[in-house]
């Protein structure tokens, strides 16, 4: 796949086939992606890859926990702004309601919205989940390094005919995740990632949010 097509065609897929993905493919994707840059080459990322019964156990643990206590959130870090402002608030709303309207979920239909949110914790049906952590005493630069590594994972996956969905949702329930994954307290959960073959019949996959034009966020100086 042409690298530009791989980047531009990447999107958050929210419906996967149950077709298995081999350990060899996942290992190759992670190996290739580990060539991401990192400050002083410290390579701060850590990966927990789950599949099969282990994957099912994790998904069941978190889903059942949220069904009992849907508002129980214990994030280790604040992913989103504490106080939303423009233009970010409008972009967030457009994305959220764009997805829900594609799925036929209207404003106020909380039960339907909650059921859709729970699909996060089944990895949207994907057979493999990757969970990224790093040591919790590292600084902001290492977050940037991990972000580049995770982007590599998503792009590399497309070269194998796979799609992905990066998921911050798991961060808000890291204590439930830790009941299954052997993540020590010295590590912080950055995010999860669903990976598998796209279900092209899934309606959610027809939605794709737009992007700002280059001249809206770039200043060209000296050109």
N, C-alpha and C. Protein backbone atom coordinates (compact mmCIF):
# COMPACT_ATOMS: atom_id res chain seq x y z
N UNK A 1 0.84 -1.19 0.00
CA UNK A 1 0.00 0.00 0.00
C UNK A 1 0.88 1.25 0.00
N UNK A 2 0.56 2.21 -0.86
CA UNK A 2 1.25 3.49 -0.87
C UNK A 2 1.12 4.15 0.50
N UNK A 3 2.23 4.70 1.01
CA UNK A 3 2.23 5.24 2.36
C UNK A 3 1.22 6.36 2.54
N UNK A 4 1.05 7.20 1.52
CA UNK A 4 0.08 8.28 1.62
C UNK A 4 -1.35 7.75 1.68
N UNK A 5 -1.62 6.71 0.91
CA UNK A 5 -2.94 6.08 0.96
C UNK A 5 -3.18 5.42 2.31
N UNK A 6 -2.13 4.83 2.85
CA UNK A 6 -2.26 4.17 4.15
C UNK A 6 -2.59 5.17 5.25
N UNK A 7 -1.97 6.35 5.18
CA UNK A 7 -2.22 7.37 6.19
C UNK A 7 -3.60 7.99 6.01
N UNK A 8 -3.89 8.40 4.78
CA UNK A 8 -5.16 9.10 4.53
C UNK A 8 -6.36 8.17 4.65
N UNK A 9 -6.17 6.88 4.39
CA UNK A 9 -7.27 5.93 4.47
C UNK A 9 -7.51 5.39 5.87
N UNK A 10 -6.60 5.67 6.78
CA UNK A 10 -6.78 5.19 8.15
C UNK A 10 -7.96 5.89 8.80
N UNK A 11 -8.75 5.14 9.53
CA UNK A 11 -9.85 5.72 10.29
C UNK A 11 -10.17 4.79 11.45
N UNK A 12 -10.98 5.28 12.37
CA UNK A 12 -11.37 4.46 13.52
C UNK A 12 -12.49 3.52 13.10
N UNK A 13 -12.17 2.25 12.96
CA UNK A 13 -13.16 1.25 12.56
C UNK A 13 -13.88 0.76 13.80
N UNK A 14 -15.21 0.72 13.72
CA UNK A 14 -16.03 0.34 14.89
C UNK A 14 -16.88 -0.89 14.60
N UNK A 15 -16.34 -1.78 13.81
CA UNK A 15 -17.01 -3.03 13.52
C UNK A 15 -16.03 -3.95 12.81
N UNK A 16 -15.70 -5.08 13.44
CA UNK A 16 -14.70 -5.99 12.89
C UNK A 16 -15.29 -7.39 12.69
N UNK A 17 -14.66 -8.12 11.79
CA UNK A 17 -14.99 -9.53 11.63
C UNK A 17 -14.31 -10.32 12.76
N UNK A 18 -14.85 -11.48 13.06
CA UNK A 18 -14.27 -12.31 14.12
C UNK A 18 -13.08 -13.13 13.61
N UNK A 19 -12.76 -13.00 12.33
CA UNK A 19 -11.65 -13.77 11.75
C UNK A 19 -10.38 -13.56 12.57
N UNK A 20 -9.70 -14.63 12.96
CA UNK A 20 -8.51 -14.49 13.80
C UNK A 20 -7.35 -13.83 13.07
N UNK A 21 -6.50 -13.21 13.84
CA UNK A 21 -5.25 -12.64 13.33
C UNK A 21 -4.11 -13.35 14.06
N UNK A 22 -3.15 -13.87 13.32
CA UNK A 22 -2.10 -14.68 13.93
C UNK A 22 -1.15 -13.86 14.80
N UNK A 23 -0.55 -14.54 15.75
CA UNK A 23 0.46 -13.90 16.60
C UNK A 23 1.62 -13.40 15.75
N UNK A 24 1.97 -14.15 14.69
CA UNK A 24 3.10 -13.77 13.84
C UNK A 24 2.86 -12.42 13.18
N UNK A 25 1.64 -12.17 12.72
CA UNK A 25 1.33 -10.89 12.09
C UNK A 25 1.38 -9.77 13.11
N UNK A 26 0.77 -9.99 14.28
CA UNK A 26 0.76 -8.95 15.32
C UNK A 26 2.19 -8.64 15.77
N UNK A 27 2.99 -9.68 15.92
CA UNK A 27 4.38 -9.49 16.34
C UNK A 27 5.17 -8.71 15.29
N UNK A 28 4.92 -8.99 14.02
CA UNK A 28 5.62 -8.28 12.94
C UNK A 28 5.22 -6.81 12.93
N UNK A 29 3.93 -6.52 13.12
CA UNK A 29 3.46 -5.14 13.16
C UNK A 29 4.12 -4.38 14.31
N UNK A 30 4.18 -5.01 15.47
CA UNK A 30 4.78 -4.36 16.63
C UNK A 30 6.28 -4.15 16.41
N UNK A 31 6.94 -5.16 15.85
CA UNK A 31 8.38 -5.04 15.59
C UNK A 31 8.68 -3.90 14.63
N UNK A 32 7.96 -3.85 13.52
CA UNK A 32 8.19 -2.77 12.55
C UNK A 32 7.90 -1.41 13.17
N UNK A 33 6.84 -1.35 13.98
CA UNK A 33 6.43 -0.07 14.57
C UNK A 33 7.41 0.41 15.63
N UNK A 34 8.18 -0.50 16.19
CA UNK A 34 9.12 -0.12 17.24
C UNK A 34 10.27 0.74 16.72
N UNK A 35 10.34 0.90 15.40
CA UNK A 35 11.33 1.81 14.83
C UNK A 35 10.87 3.26 14.86
N UNK A 36 9.78 3.53 15.56
CA UNK A 36 9.34 4.91 15.77
C UNK A 36 10.43 5.67 16.53
N UNK A 37 10.54 6.97 16.29
CA UNK A 37 11.55 7.74 17.02
C UNK A 37 11.16 7.93 18.48
N UNK A 38 12.18 8.07 19.31
CA UNK A 38 11.94 8.43 20.71
C UNK A 38 13.15 9.20 21.22
N UNK A 39 12.91 10.17 22.07
CA UNK A 39 13.98 11.01 22.58
C UNK A 39 15.08 10.19 23.24
N UNK A 40 16.31 10.36 22.79
CA UNK A 40 17.48 9.62 23.30
C UNK A 40 17.30 8.11 23.15
N UNK A 41 16.39 7.72 22.25
CA UNK A 41 16.13 6.31 21.96
C UNK A 41 15.75 5.51 23.21
N UNK A 42 14.97 6.13 24.11
CA UNK A 42 14.62 5.41 25.35
C UNK A 42 13.48 4.41 25.13
N UNK A 43 12.74 4.54 24.01
CA UNK A 43 11.70 3.57 23.66
C UNK A 43 10.80 3.27 24.87
N UNK A 44 9.99 4.23 25.29
CA UNK A 44 9.25 4.11 26.54
C UNK A 44 8.02 3.21 26.49
N UNK A 45 7.59 2.81 25.30
CA UNK A 45 6.34 2.07 25.16
C UNK A 45 6.42 0.63 25.66
N UNK A 46 5.30 0.17 26.18
CA UNK A 46 5.11 -1.23 26.55
C UNK A 46 3.77 -1.67 25.96
N UNK A 47 3.67 -2.93 25.56
CA UNK A 47 2.46 -3.42 24.88
C UNK A 47 1.96 -4.70 25.54
N UNK A 48 0.66 -4.77 25.77
CA UNK A 48 -0.01 -5.99 26.20
C UNK A 48 -0.96 -6.39 25.07
N UNK A 49 -0.68 -7.50 24.43
CA UNK A 49 -1.49 -7.97 23.30
C UNK A 49 -2.37 -9.13 23.76
N UNK A 50 -3.68 -9.02 23.51
CA UNK A 50 -4.60 -10.06 23.97
C UNK A 50 -5.42 -10.61 22.80
N UNK A 51 -5.69 -11.90 22.87
CA UNK A 51 -6.50 -12.56 21.86
C UNK A 51 -7.14 -13.78 22.51
N UNK A 52 -8.04 -14.45 21.79
CA UNK A 52 -8.63 -15.69 22.27
C UNK A 52 -9.36 -15.56 23.59
N UNK A 53 -9.22 -16.57 24.43
CA UNK A 53 -9.93 -16.59 25.71
C UNK A 53 -9.48 -15.46 26.63
N UNK A 54 -8.21 -15.07 26.54
CA UNK A 54 -7.71 -13.96 27.37
C UNK A 54 -8.41 -12.67 26.99
N UNK A 55 -8.56 -12.46 25.70
CA UNK A 55 -9.28 -11.28 25.20
C UNK A 55 -10.73 -11.28 25.69
N UNK A 56 -11.38 -12.45 25.60
CA UNK A 56 -12.78 -12.56 26.01
C UNK A 56 -12.94 -12.30 27.51
N UNK A 57 -12.01 -12.81 28.28
CA UNK A 57 -12.06 -12.61 29.73
C UNK A 57 -11.96 -11.12 30.09
N UNK A 58 -11.04 -10.43 29.41
CA UNK A 58 -10.88 -9.00 29.65
C UNK A 58 -12.15 -8.24 29.28
N UNK A 59 -12.68 -8.51 28.09
CA UNK A 59 -13.88 -7.80 27.64
C UNK A 59 -15.06 -8.07 28.56
N UNK A 60 -15.20 -9.31 29.01
CA UNK A 60 -16.30 -9.66 29.92
C UNK A 60 -16.16 -8.95 31.26
N UNK A 61 -14.95 -8.89 31.76
CA UNK A 61 -14.69 -8.26 33.06
C UNK A 61 -15.08 -6.78 33.04
N UNK A 62 -14.63 -6.07 32.02
CA UNK A 62 -14.89 -4.64 31.95
C UNK A 62 -16.36 -4.37 31.62
N UNK A 63 -16.92 -5.11 30.68
CA UNK A 63 -18.32 -4.90 30.30
C UNK A 63 -19.25 -5.16 31.46
N UNK A 64 -19.06 -6.26 32.17
CA UNK A 64 -19.93 -6.58 33.30
C UNK A 64 -19.78 -5.54 34.42
N UNK A 65 -18.55 -5.05 34.60
CA UNK A 65 -18.33 -4.02 35.60
C UNK A 65 -19.07 -2.74 35.29
N UNK A 66 -19.08 -2.36 34.02
CA UNK A 66 -19.77 -1.13 33.62
C UNK A 66 -21.29 -1.29 33.62
N UNK A 67 -21.76 -2.48 33.33
CA UNK A 67 -23.20 -2.71 33.39
C UNK A 67 -23.71 -2.56 34.82
N UNK A 68 -22.87 -2.91 35.80
CA UNK A 68 -23.24 -2.77 37.21
C UNK A 68 -23.06 -1.33 37.70
N UNK A 69 -21.98 -0.70 37.24
CA UNK A 69 -21.66 0.67 37.69
C UNK A 69 -21.24 1.52 36.50
N UNK A 70 -22.21 1.95 35.67
CA UNK A 70 -21.88 2.65 34.43
C UNK A 70 -21.16 3.98 34.61
N UNK A 71 -21.28 4.58 35.79
CA UNK A 71 -20.66 5.90 36.00
C UNK A 71 -19.38 5.82 36.82
N UNK A 72 -18.89 4.61 37.04
CA UNK A 72 -17.68 4.44 37.84
C UNK A 72 -16.46 4.60 36.95
N UNK A 73 -15.83 5.78 37.01
CA UNK A 73 -14.66 6.07 36.20
C UNK A 73 -13.48 6.42 37.09
N UNK A 74 -12.32 5.85 36.77
CA UNK A 74 -11.12 6.10 37.56
C UNK A 74 -9.91 6.34 36.66
N UNK A 75 -9.96 7.39 35.83
CA UNK A 75 -8.84 7.63 34.91
C UNK A 75 -7.56 7.99 35.65
N UNK A 76 -6.44 7.52 35.11
CA UNK A 76 -5.16 7.89 35.70
C UNK A 76 -4.67 9.24 35.19
N UNK A 77 -5.20 9.66 34.07
CA UNK A 77 -4.84 10.96 33.53
C UNK A 77 -6.03 11.53 32.79
N UNK A 78 -6.02 12.84 32.58
CA UNK A 78 -7.13 13.52 31.92
C UNK A 78 -6.86 13.57 30.42
N UNK A 79 -7.59 12.75 29.66
CA UNK A 79 -7.38 12.71 28.21
C UNK A 79 -7.93 13.97 27.55
N UNK A 80 -9.13 14.38 27.96
CA UNK A 80 -9.79 15.53 27.34
C UNK A 80 -9.68 16.77 28.23
N UNK A 81 -9.95 17.94 27.66
CA UNK A 81 -9.92 19.17 28.47
C UNK A 81 -10.92 19.10 29.62
N UNK A 82 -10.55 19.66 30.74
CA UNK A 82 -11.47 19.74 31.87
C UNK A 82 -12.61 20.70 31.53
N UNK A 83 -12.27 21.78 30.85
CA UNK A 83 -13.26 22.76 30.43
C UNK A 83 -13.18 22.90 28.91
N UNK A 84 -14.23 22.52 28.23
CA UNK A 84 -14.25 22.60 26.76
C UNK A 84 -14.47 24.02 26.29
N UNK A 85 -13.86 24.36 25.16
CA UNK A 85 -14.05 25.66 24.53
C UNK A 85 -13.96 25.47 23.02
N UNK A 86 -14.33 26.52 22.30
CA UNK A 86 -14.26 26.47 20.84
C UNK A 86 -12.81 26.64 20.37
N UNK A 87 -12.46 26.03 19.24
CA UNK A 87 -13.31 25.30 18.30
C UNK A 87 -13.48 23.81 18.63
N UNK A 88 -12.87 23.39 19.76
CA UNK A 88 -12.81 21.96 20.06
C UNK A 88 -14.17 21.39 20.46
N UNK A 89 -14.97 22.21 21.14
CA UNK A 89 -16.29 21.74 21.55
C UNK A 89 -17.16 21.40 20.35
N UNK A 90 -17.16 22.29 19.35
CA UNK A 90 -17.97 22.04 18.15
C UNK A 90 -17.47 20.81 17.40
N UNK A 91 -16.18 20.67 17.27
CA UNK A 91 -15.63 19.50 16.58
C UNK A 91 -16.02 18.21 17.30
N UNK A 92 -15.96 18.23 18.62
CA UNK A 92 -16.33 17.05 19.40
C UNK A 92 -17.80 16.70 19.19
N UNK A 93 -18.65 17.70 19.25
CA UNK A 93 -20.08 17.45 19.09
C UNK A 93 -20.41 16.95 17.69
N UNK A 94 -19.77 17.54 16.70
CA UNK A 94 -20.02 17.11 15.32
C UNK A 94 -19.63 15.65 15.12
N UNK A 95 -18.53 15.26 15.74
CA UNK A 95 -18.08 13.87 15.61
C UNK A 95 -19.01 12.91 16.35
N UNK A 96 -19.34 13.27 17.58
CA UNK A 96 -20.21 12.41 18.38
C UNK A 96 -21.58 12.22 17.78
N UNK A 97 -22.21 13.33 17.44
CA UNK A 97 -23.56 13.23 16.88
C UNK A 97 -23.55 12.75 15.44
N UNK A 98 -22.44 12.96 14.75
CA UNK A 98 -22.32 12.42 13.40
C UNK A 98 -22.34 10.91 13.42
N UNK A 99 -21.60 10.32 14.38
CA UNK A 99 -21.58 8.87 14.52
C UNK A 99 -22.95 8.35 14.95
N UNK A 100 -23.53 8.98 15.96
CA UNK A 100 -24.82 8.50 16.47
C UNK A 100 -25.93 8.61 15.44
N UNK A 101 -25.92 9.69 14.67
CA UNK A 101 -26.97 9.83 13.65
C UNK A 101 -26.79 8.79 12.56
N UNK A 102 -25.54 8.44 12.25
CA UNK A 102 -25.28 7.38 11.28
C UNK A 102 -25.86 6.05 11.77
N UNK A 103 -25.84 5.85 13.08
CA UNK A 103 -26.34 4.62 13.69
C UNK A 103 -27.83 4.70 14.02
N UNK A 104 -28.45 5.83 13.72
CA UNK A 104 -29.88 5.98 13.99
C UNK A 104 -30.19 6.22 15.45
N UNK A 105 -29.22 6.75 16.20
CA UNK A 105 -29.42 7.06 17.62
C UNK A 105 -29.68 8.55 17.77
N UNK A 106 -30.84 8.89 18.27
CA UNK A 106 -31.22 10.30 18.41
C UNK A 106 -30.83 10.83 19.78
N UNK A 107 -30.76 12.15 19.87
CA UNK A 107 -30.43 12.79 21.14
C UNK A 107 -31.46 12.41 22.19
N UNK A 108 -30.98 12.02 23.34
CA UNK A 108 -31.88 11.62 24.42
C UNK A 108 -32.09 10.12 24.53
N UNK A 109 -31.67 9.36 23.51
CA UNK A 109 -31.82 7.90 23.56
C UNK A 109 -30.61 7.31 24.29
N UNK A 110 -30.62 7.46 25.59
CA UNK A 110 -29.45 7.11 26.39
C UNK A 110 -29.18 5.62 26.43
N UNK A 111 -30.22 4.82 26.43
CA UNK A 111 -30.01 3.37 26.45
C UNK A 111 -29.28 2.90 25.20
N UNK A 112 -29.70 3.42 24.04
CA UNK A 112 -29.05 3.06 22.78
C UNK A 112 -27.61 3.56 22.76
N UNK A 113 -27.41 4.78 23.26
CA UNK A 113 -26.06 5.35 23.29
C UNK A 113 -25.16 4.53 24.20
N UNK A 114 -25.70 4.10 25.34
CA UNK A 114 -24.90 3.31 26.28
C UNK A 114 -24.52 1.96 25.68
N UNK A 115 -25.44 1.33 24.98
CA UNK A 115 -25.15 0.05 24.33
C UNK A 115 -24.05 0.21 23.28
N UNK A 116 -24.09 1.34 22.57
CA UNK A 116 -23.03 1.60 21.58
C UNK A 116 -21.70 1.82 22.28
N UNK A 117 -21.71 2.54 23.40
CA UNK A 117 -20.48 2.78 24.15
C UNK A 117 -19.87 1.48 24.68
N UNK A 118 -20.74 0.56 25.08
CA UNK A 118 -20.25 -0.72 25.60
C UNK A 118 -19.48 -1.52 24.56
N UNK A 119 -19.76 -1.26 23.27
CA UNK A 119 -19.06 -1.98 22.21
C UNK A 119 -17.56 -1.69 22.25
N UNK A 120 -17.19 -0.54 22.83
CA UNK A 120 -15.76 -0.26 23.02
C UNK A 120 -15.09 -1.40 23.77
N UNK A 121 -15.81 -1.92 24.77
CA UNK A 121 -15.22 -2.89 25.68
C UNK A 121 -15.37 -4.33 25.20
N UNK A 122 -15.87 -4.47 23.98
CA UNK A 122 -15.78 -5.73 23.26
C UNK A 122 -14.85 -5.56 22.07
N UNK A 123 -14.08 -4.45 22.09
CA UNK A 123 -13.14 -4.14 21.01
C UNK A 123 -13.86 -4.08 19.66
N UNK A 124 -15.14 -3.71 19.69
CA UNK A 124 -15.97 -3.64 18.49
C UNK A 124 -15.93 -4.95 17.71
N UNK A 125 -15.77 -6.04 18.45
CA UNK A 125 -15.75 -7.35 17.81
C UNK A 125 -14.40 -7.80 17.29
N UNK A 126 -13.39 -6.96 17.41
CA UNK A 126 -12.05 -7.31 16.91
C UNK A 126 -11.47 -8.48 17.69
N UNK A 127 -10.74 -9.37 17.02
CA UNK A 127 -10.18 -10.54 17.70
C UNK A 127 -8.93 -10.24 18.53
N UNK A 128 -8.35 -9.07 18.32
CA UNK A 128 -7.10 -8.72 19.02
C UNK A 128 -7.22 -7.33 19.63
N UNK A 129 -6.72 -7.20 20.84
CA UNK A 129 -6.63 -5.90 21.48
C UNK A 129 -5.20 -5.64 21.91
N UNK A 130 -4.71 -4.44 21.65
CA UNK A 130 -3.40 -4.02 22.12
C UNK A 130 -3.60 -2.93 23.17
N UNK A 131 -2.88 -3.04 24.26
CA UNK A 131 -2.97 -2.06 25.34
C UNK A 131 -1.59 -1.50 25.60
N UNK A 132 -1.50 -0.18 25.53
CA UNK A 132 -0.21 0.50 25.59
C UNK A 132 -0.03 1.16 26.95
N UNK A 133 1.14 0.95 27.53
CA UNK A 133 1.46 1.58 28.80
C UNK A 133 2.87 2.16 28.73
N UNK A 134 3.20 2.94 29.74
CA UNK A 134 4.59 3.37 29.93
C UNK A 134 4.79 3.59 31.43
N UNK A 135 6.02 3.65 31.86
CA UNK A 135 6.30 3.89 33.28
C UNK A 135 5.74 5.24 33.68
N UNK A 136 5.10 5.29 34.85
CA UNK A 136 4.38 6.50 35.23
C UNK A 136 5.26 7.63 35.76
N UNK A 137 6.58 7.41 35.81
CA UNK A 137 7.47 8.49 36.23
C UNK A 137 8.13 9.20 35.05
N UNK A 138 7.72 8.84 33.83
CA UNK A 138 8.27 9.51 32.64
C UNK A 138 7.52 10.80 32.37
N UNK A 139 8.09 11.64 31.51
CA UNK A 139 7.53 12.98 31.30
C UNK A 139 6.84 13.10 29.94
N UNK A 140 6.42 14.33 29.60
CA UNK A 140 5.60 14.57 28.41
C UNK A 140 6.25 14.09 27.12
N UNK A 141 7.56 14.21 27.04
CA UNK A 141 8.24 13.77 25.81
C UNK A 141 7.98 12.30 25.51
N UNK A 142 7.89 11.50 26.55
CA UNK A 142 7.65 10.07 26.34
C UNK A 142 6.22 9.81 25.86
N UNK A 143 5.29 10.68 26.23
CA UNK A 143 3.92 10.56 25.69
C UNK A 143 3.94 10.79 24.18
N UNK A 144 4.73 11.77 23.74
CA UNK A 144 4.86 12.01 22.30
C UNK A 144 5.46 10.79 21.61
N UNK A 145 6.50 10.22 22.23
CA UNK A 145 7.15 9.04 21.66
C UNK A 145 6.14 7.90 21.50
N UNK A 146 5.35 7.67 22.53
CA UNK A 146 4.37 6.59 22.49
C UNK A 146 3.30 6.85 21.43
N UNK A 147 2.94 8.12 21.26
CA UNK A 147 1.96 8.46 20.23
C UNK A 147 2.47 8.12 18.84
N UNK A 148 3.74 8.38 18.59
CA UNK A 148 4.32 8.06 17.27
C UNK A 148 4.39 6.55 17.07
N UNK A 149 4.69 5.83 18.13
CA UNK A 149 4.72 4.37 18.07
C UNK A 149 3.34 3.80 17.75
N UNK A 150 2.32 4.33 18.41
CA UNK A 150 0.95 3.85 18.20
C UNK A 150 0.48 4.18 16.79
N UNK A 151 0.84 5.36 16.28
CA UNK A 151 0.50 5.70 14.90
C UNK A 151 1.16 4.70 13.93
N UNK A 152 2.39 4.33 14.20
CA UNK A 152 3.05 3.33 13.37
C UNK A 152 2.28 2.02 13.37
N UNK A 153 1.79 1.62 14.53
CA UNK A 153 0.99 0.39 14.64
C UNK A 153 -0.21 0.45 13.71
N UNK A 154 -0.91 1.58 13.71
CA UNK A 154 -2.12 1.71 12.90
C UNK A 154 -1.83 1.69 11.41
N UNK A 155 -0.74 2.35 11.02
CA UNK A 155 -0.38 2.39 9.60
C UNK A 155 0.18 1.05 9.14
N UNK A 156 1.03 0.45 9.95
CA UNK A 156 1.59 -0.84 9.61
C UNK A 156 0.50 -1.90 9.46
N UNK A 157 -0.52 -1.83 10.30
CA UNK A 157 -1.62 -2.80 10.25
C UNK A 157 -2.30 -2.80 8.89
N UNK A 158 -2.40 -1.64 8.29
CA UNK A 158 -3.08 -1.54 7.01
C UNK A 158 -2.32 -2.28 5.91
N UNK A 159 -1.01 -2.39 6.09
CA UNK A 159 -0.21 -3.14 5.13
C UNK A 159 -0.51 -4.63 5.14
N UNK A 160 -1.16 -5.10 6.21
CA UNK A 160 -1.55 -6.51 6.32
C UNK A 160 -3.05 -6.69 6.07
N UNK A 161 -3.69 -5.65 5.56
CA UNK A 161 -5.13 -5.73 5.30
C UNK A 161 -5.98 -5.58 6.54
N UNK A 162 -5.37 -5.10 7.63
CA UNK A 162 -6.08 -4.94 8.90
C UNK A 162 -6.46 -3.49 9.13
N UNK A 163 -7.45 -3.28 9.98
CA UNK A 163 -7.84 -1.94 10.38
C UNK A 163 -7.80 -1.87 11.90
N UNK A 164 -7.89 -0.65 12.42
CA UNK A 164 -7.74 -0.44 13.85
C UNK A 164 -8.72 0.60 14.38
N UNK A 165 -8.82 0.63 15.69
CA UNK A 165 -9.55 1.71 16.36
C UNK A 165 -8.83 2.04 17.66
N UNK A 166 -8.16 3.19 17.73
CA UNK A 166 -7.52 3.59 18.98
C UNK A 166 -8.61 3.96 19.98
N UNK A 167 -8.45 3.52 21.23
CA UNK A 167 -9.53 3.68 22.20
C UNK A 167 -9.04 4.27 23.52
N UNK A 168 -9.43 5.51 23.77
CA UNK A 168 -9.16 6.10 25.08
C UNK A 168 -10.14 5.58 26.12
N UNK A 169 -11.23 4.97 25.68
CA UNK A 169 -12.29 4.53 26.59
C UNK A 169 -11.78 3.64 27.72
N UNK A 170 -10.79 2.78 27.40
CA UNK A 170 -10.28 1.87 28.41
C UNK A 170 -9.58 2.60 29.56
N UNK A 171 -9.06 3.78 29.28
CA UNK A 171 -8.31 4.53 30.29
C UNK A 171 -9.17 4.85 31.50
N UNK A 172 -10.47 5.08 31.25
CA UNK A 172 -11.36 5.48 32.33
C UNK A 172 -11.76 4.33 33.24
N UNK A 173 -11.33 3.13 32.87
CA UNK A 173 -11.67 1.95 33.68
C UNK A 173 -10.44 1.06 33.85
N UNK A 174 -9.30 1.71 34.04
CA UNK A 174 -8.03 0.96 34.11
C UNK A 174 -8.01 -0.01 35.28
N UNK A 175 -8.76 0.27 36.35
CA UNK A 175 -8.77 -0.64 37.49
C UNK A 175 -9.42 -1.97 37.12
N UNK A 176 -10.47 -1.91 36.28
CA UNK A 176 -11.09 -3.14 35.80
C UNK A 176 -10.14 -3.88 34.85
N UNK A 177 -9.45 -3.11 34.01
CA UNK A 177 -8.48 -3.71 33.08
C UNK A 177 -7.39 -4.44 33.85
N UNK A 178 -6.92 -3.85 34.94
CA UNK A 178 -5.84 -4.42 35.73
C UNK A 178 -6.24 -5.72 36.45
N UNK A 179 -7.53 -5.97 36.56
CA UNK A 179 -7.96 -7.24 37.15
C UNK A 179 -7.60 -8.42 36.26
N UNK A 180 -7.42 -8.14 34.97
CA UNK A 180 -7.11 -9.20 34.01
C UNK A 180 -5.69 -9.07 33.47
N UNK A 181 -5.31 -7.86 33.06
CA UNK A 181 -3.96 -7.67 32.51
C UNK A 181 -2.96 -7.44 33.65
N UNK A 182 -1.79 -8.04 33.56
CA UNK A 182 -0.79 -7.90 34.63
C UNK A 182 -0.01 -6.59 34.55
N UNK A 183 -0.74 -5.48 34.56
CA UNK A 183 -0.11 -4.16 34.48
C UNK A 183 0.26 -3.70 35.88
N UNK A 184 1.54 -3.52 36.18
CA UNK A 184 1.93 -3.09 37.53
C UNK A 184 1.51 -1.64 37.80
N UNK A 185 1.43 -1.29 39.06
CA UNK A 185 1.04 0.06 39.45
C UNK A 185 2.04 1.10 38.97
N UNK A 186 3.24 0.66 38.66
CA UNK A 186 4.28 1.58 38.20
C UNK A 186 4.10 1.99 36.74
N UNK A 187 3.10 1.40 36.06
CA UNK A 187 2.82 1.74 34.67
C UNK A 187 1.48 2.42 34.54
N UNK A 188 1.36 3.34 33.59
CA UNK A 188 0.12 4.04 33.32
C UNK A 188 -0.46 3.54 32.00
N UNK A 189 -1.76 3.27 31.99
CA UNK A 189 -2.42 2.82 30.77
C UNK A 189 -2.67 4.02 29.86
N UNK A 190 -2.07 4.00 28.68
CA UNK A 190 -2.19 5.12 27.74
C UNK A 190 -3.48 5.01 26.94
N UNK A 191 -3.74 3.85 26.36
CA UNK A 191 -4.96 3.61 25.60
C UNK A 191 -5.01 2.16 25.17
N UNK A 192 -6.13 1.76 24.62
CA UNK A 192 -6.26 0.45 24.00
C UNK A 192 -6.36 0.62 22.50
N UNK A 193 -6.28 -0.48 21.78
CA UNK A 193 -6.39 -0.43 20.33
C UNK A 193 -7.01 -1.73 19.84
N UNK A 194 -8.15 -1.63 19.16
CA UNK A 194 -8.78 -2.79 18.54
C UNK A 194 -8.14 -3.00 17.17
N UNK A 195 -7.87 -4.26 16.83
CA UNK A 195 -7.22 -4.55 15.55
C UNK A 195 -7.77 -5.84 14.96
N UNK A 196 -8.12 -5.78 13.68
CA UNK A 196 -8.67 -6.95 13.01
C UNK A 196 -9.08 -6.60 11.59
N UNK A 197 -9.86 -7.48 10.98
CA UNK A 197 -10.35 -7.25 9.63
C UNK A 197 -11.68 -6.52 9.69
N UNK A 198 -11.82 -5.48 8.89
CA UNK A 198 -13.03 -4.65 8.93
C UNK A 198 -14.26 -5.43 8.49
N UNK A 199 -15.35 -5.22 9.22
CA UNK A 199 -16.66 -5.71 8.79
C UNK A 199 -17.28 -4.64 7.92
N UNK A 200 -17.24 -4.84 6.64
CA UNK A 200 -17.69 -3.82 5.70
C UNK A 200 -19.22 -3.65 5.70
N UNK A 201 -19.92 -4.52 6.40
CA UNK A 201 -21.38 -4.40 6.51
C UNK A 201 -21.80 -3.63 7.77
N UNK A 202 -20.82 -3.24 8.58
CA UNK A 202 -21.12 -2.49 9.80
C UNK A 202 -21.39 -1.03 9.45
N UNK A 203 -22.59 -0.55 9.80
CA UNK A 203 -23.02 0.81 9.46
C UNK A 203 -22.07 1.86 10.07
N UNK A 204 -21.60 1.60 11.27
CA UNK A 204 -20.72 2.57 11.95
C UNK A 204 -19.49 2.88 11.12
N UNK A 205 -19.06 1.94 10.29
CA UNK A 205 -17.85 2.13 9.50
C UNK A 205 -18.05 3.04 8.30
N UNK A 206 -19.29 3.43 8.04
CA UNK A 206 -19.55 4.37 6.94
C UNK A 206 -19.33 5.81 7.38
N UNK A 207 -19.23 6.02 8.69
CA UNK A 207 -19.03 7.39 9.19
C UNK A 207 -17.55 7.71 9.27
N UNK A 208 -17.22 8.88 8.75
CA UNK A 208 -15.84 9.35 8.86
C UNK A 208 -15.84 10.86 9.03
N UNK A 209 -15.35 11.36 10.16
CA UNK A 209 -15.32 12.81 10.37
C UNK A 209 -14.33 13.47 9.43
N UNK A 210 -14.56 14.75 9.16
CA UNK A 210 -13.70 15.48 8.24
C UNK A 210 -12.44 15.99 8.90
N UNK A 211 -11.66 16.72 8.16
CA UNK A 211 -10.43 17.31 8.66
C UNK A 211 -10.39 18.79 8.30
N UNK A 212 -9.70 19.56 9.12
CA UNK A 212 -9.51 20.97 8.83
C UNK A 212 -8.59 21.12 7.63
N UNK A 213 -8.78 22.20 6.88
CA UNK A 213 -7.90 22.47 5.75
C UNK A 213 -6.53 22.91 6.27
N UNK A 214 -5.50 22.59 5.50
CA UNK A 214 -4.13 22.86 5.93
C UNK A 214 -3.92 24.31 6.29
N UNK A 215 -4.49 25.22 5.49
CA UNK A 215 -4.26 26.65 5.76
C UNK A 215 -5.01 27.15 7.00
N UNK A 216 -5.82 26.30 7.60
CA UNK A 216 -6.53 26.68 8.84
C UNK A 216 -5.68 26.40 10.08
N UNK A 217 -4.68 25.54 9.96
CA UNK A 217 -3.87 25.25 11.15
C UNK A 217 -2.36 25.35 10.88
N UNK A 218 -1.98 25.82 9.69
CA UNK A 218 -0.55 25.92 9.35
C UNK A 218 -0.19 27.33 8.92
N UNK A 219 0.93 27.82 9.40
CA UNK A 219 1.48 29.10 8.93
C UNK A 219 2.76 28.78 8.17
N UNK A 220 2.76 29.13 6.91
CA UNK A 220 3.96 28.92 6.08
C UNK A 220 4.80 30.20 6.13
N UNK A 221 6.02 30.07 6.59
CA UNK A 221 6.89 31.23 6.79
C UNK A 221 8.14 31.07 5.94
N UNK A 222 8.41 32.05 5.13
CA UNK A 222 9.63 32.02 4.33
C UNK A 222 9.53 31.23 3.04
N UNK A 223 8.31 30.80 2.67
CA UNK A 223 8.13 30.07 1.41
C UNK A 223 7.92 31.04 0.26
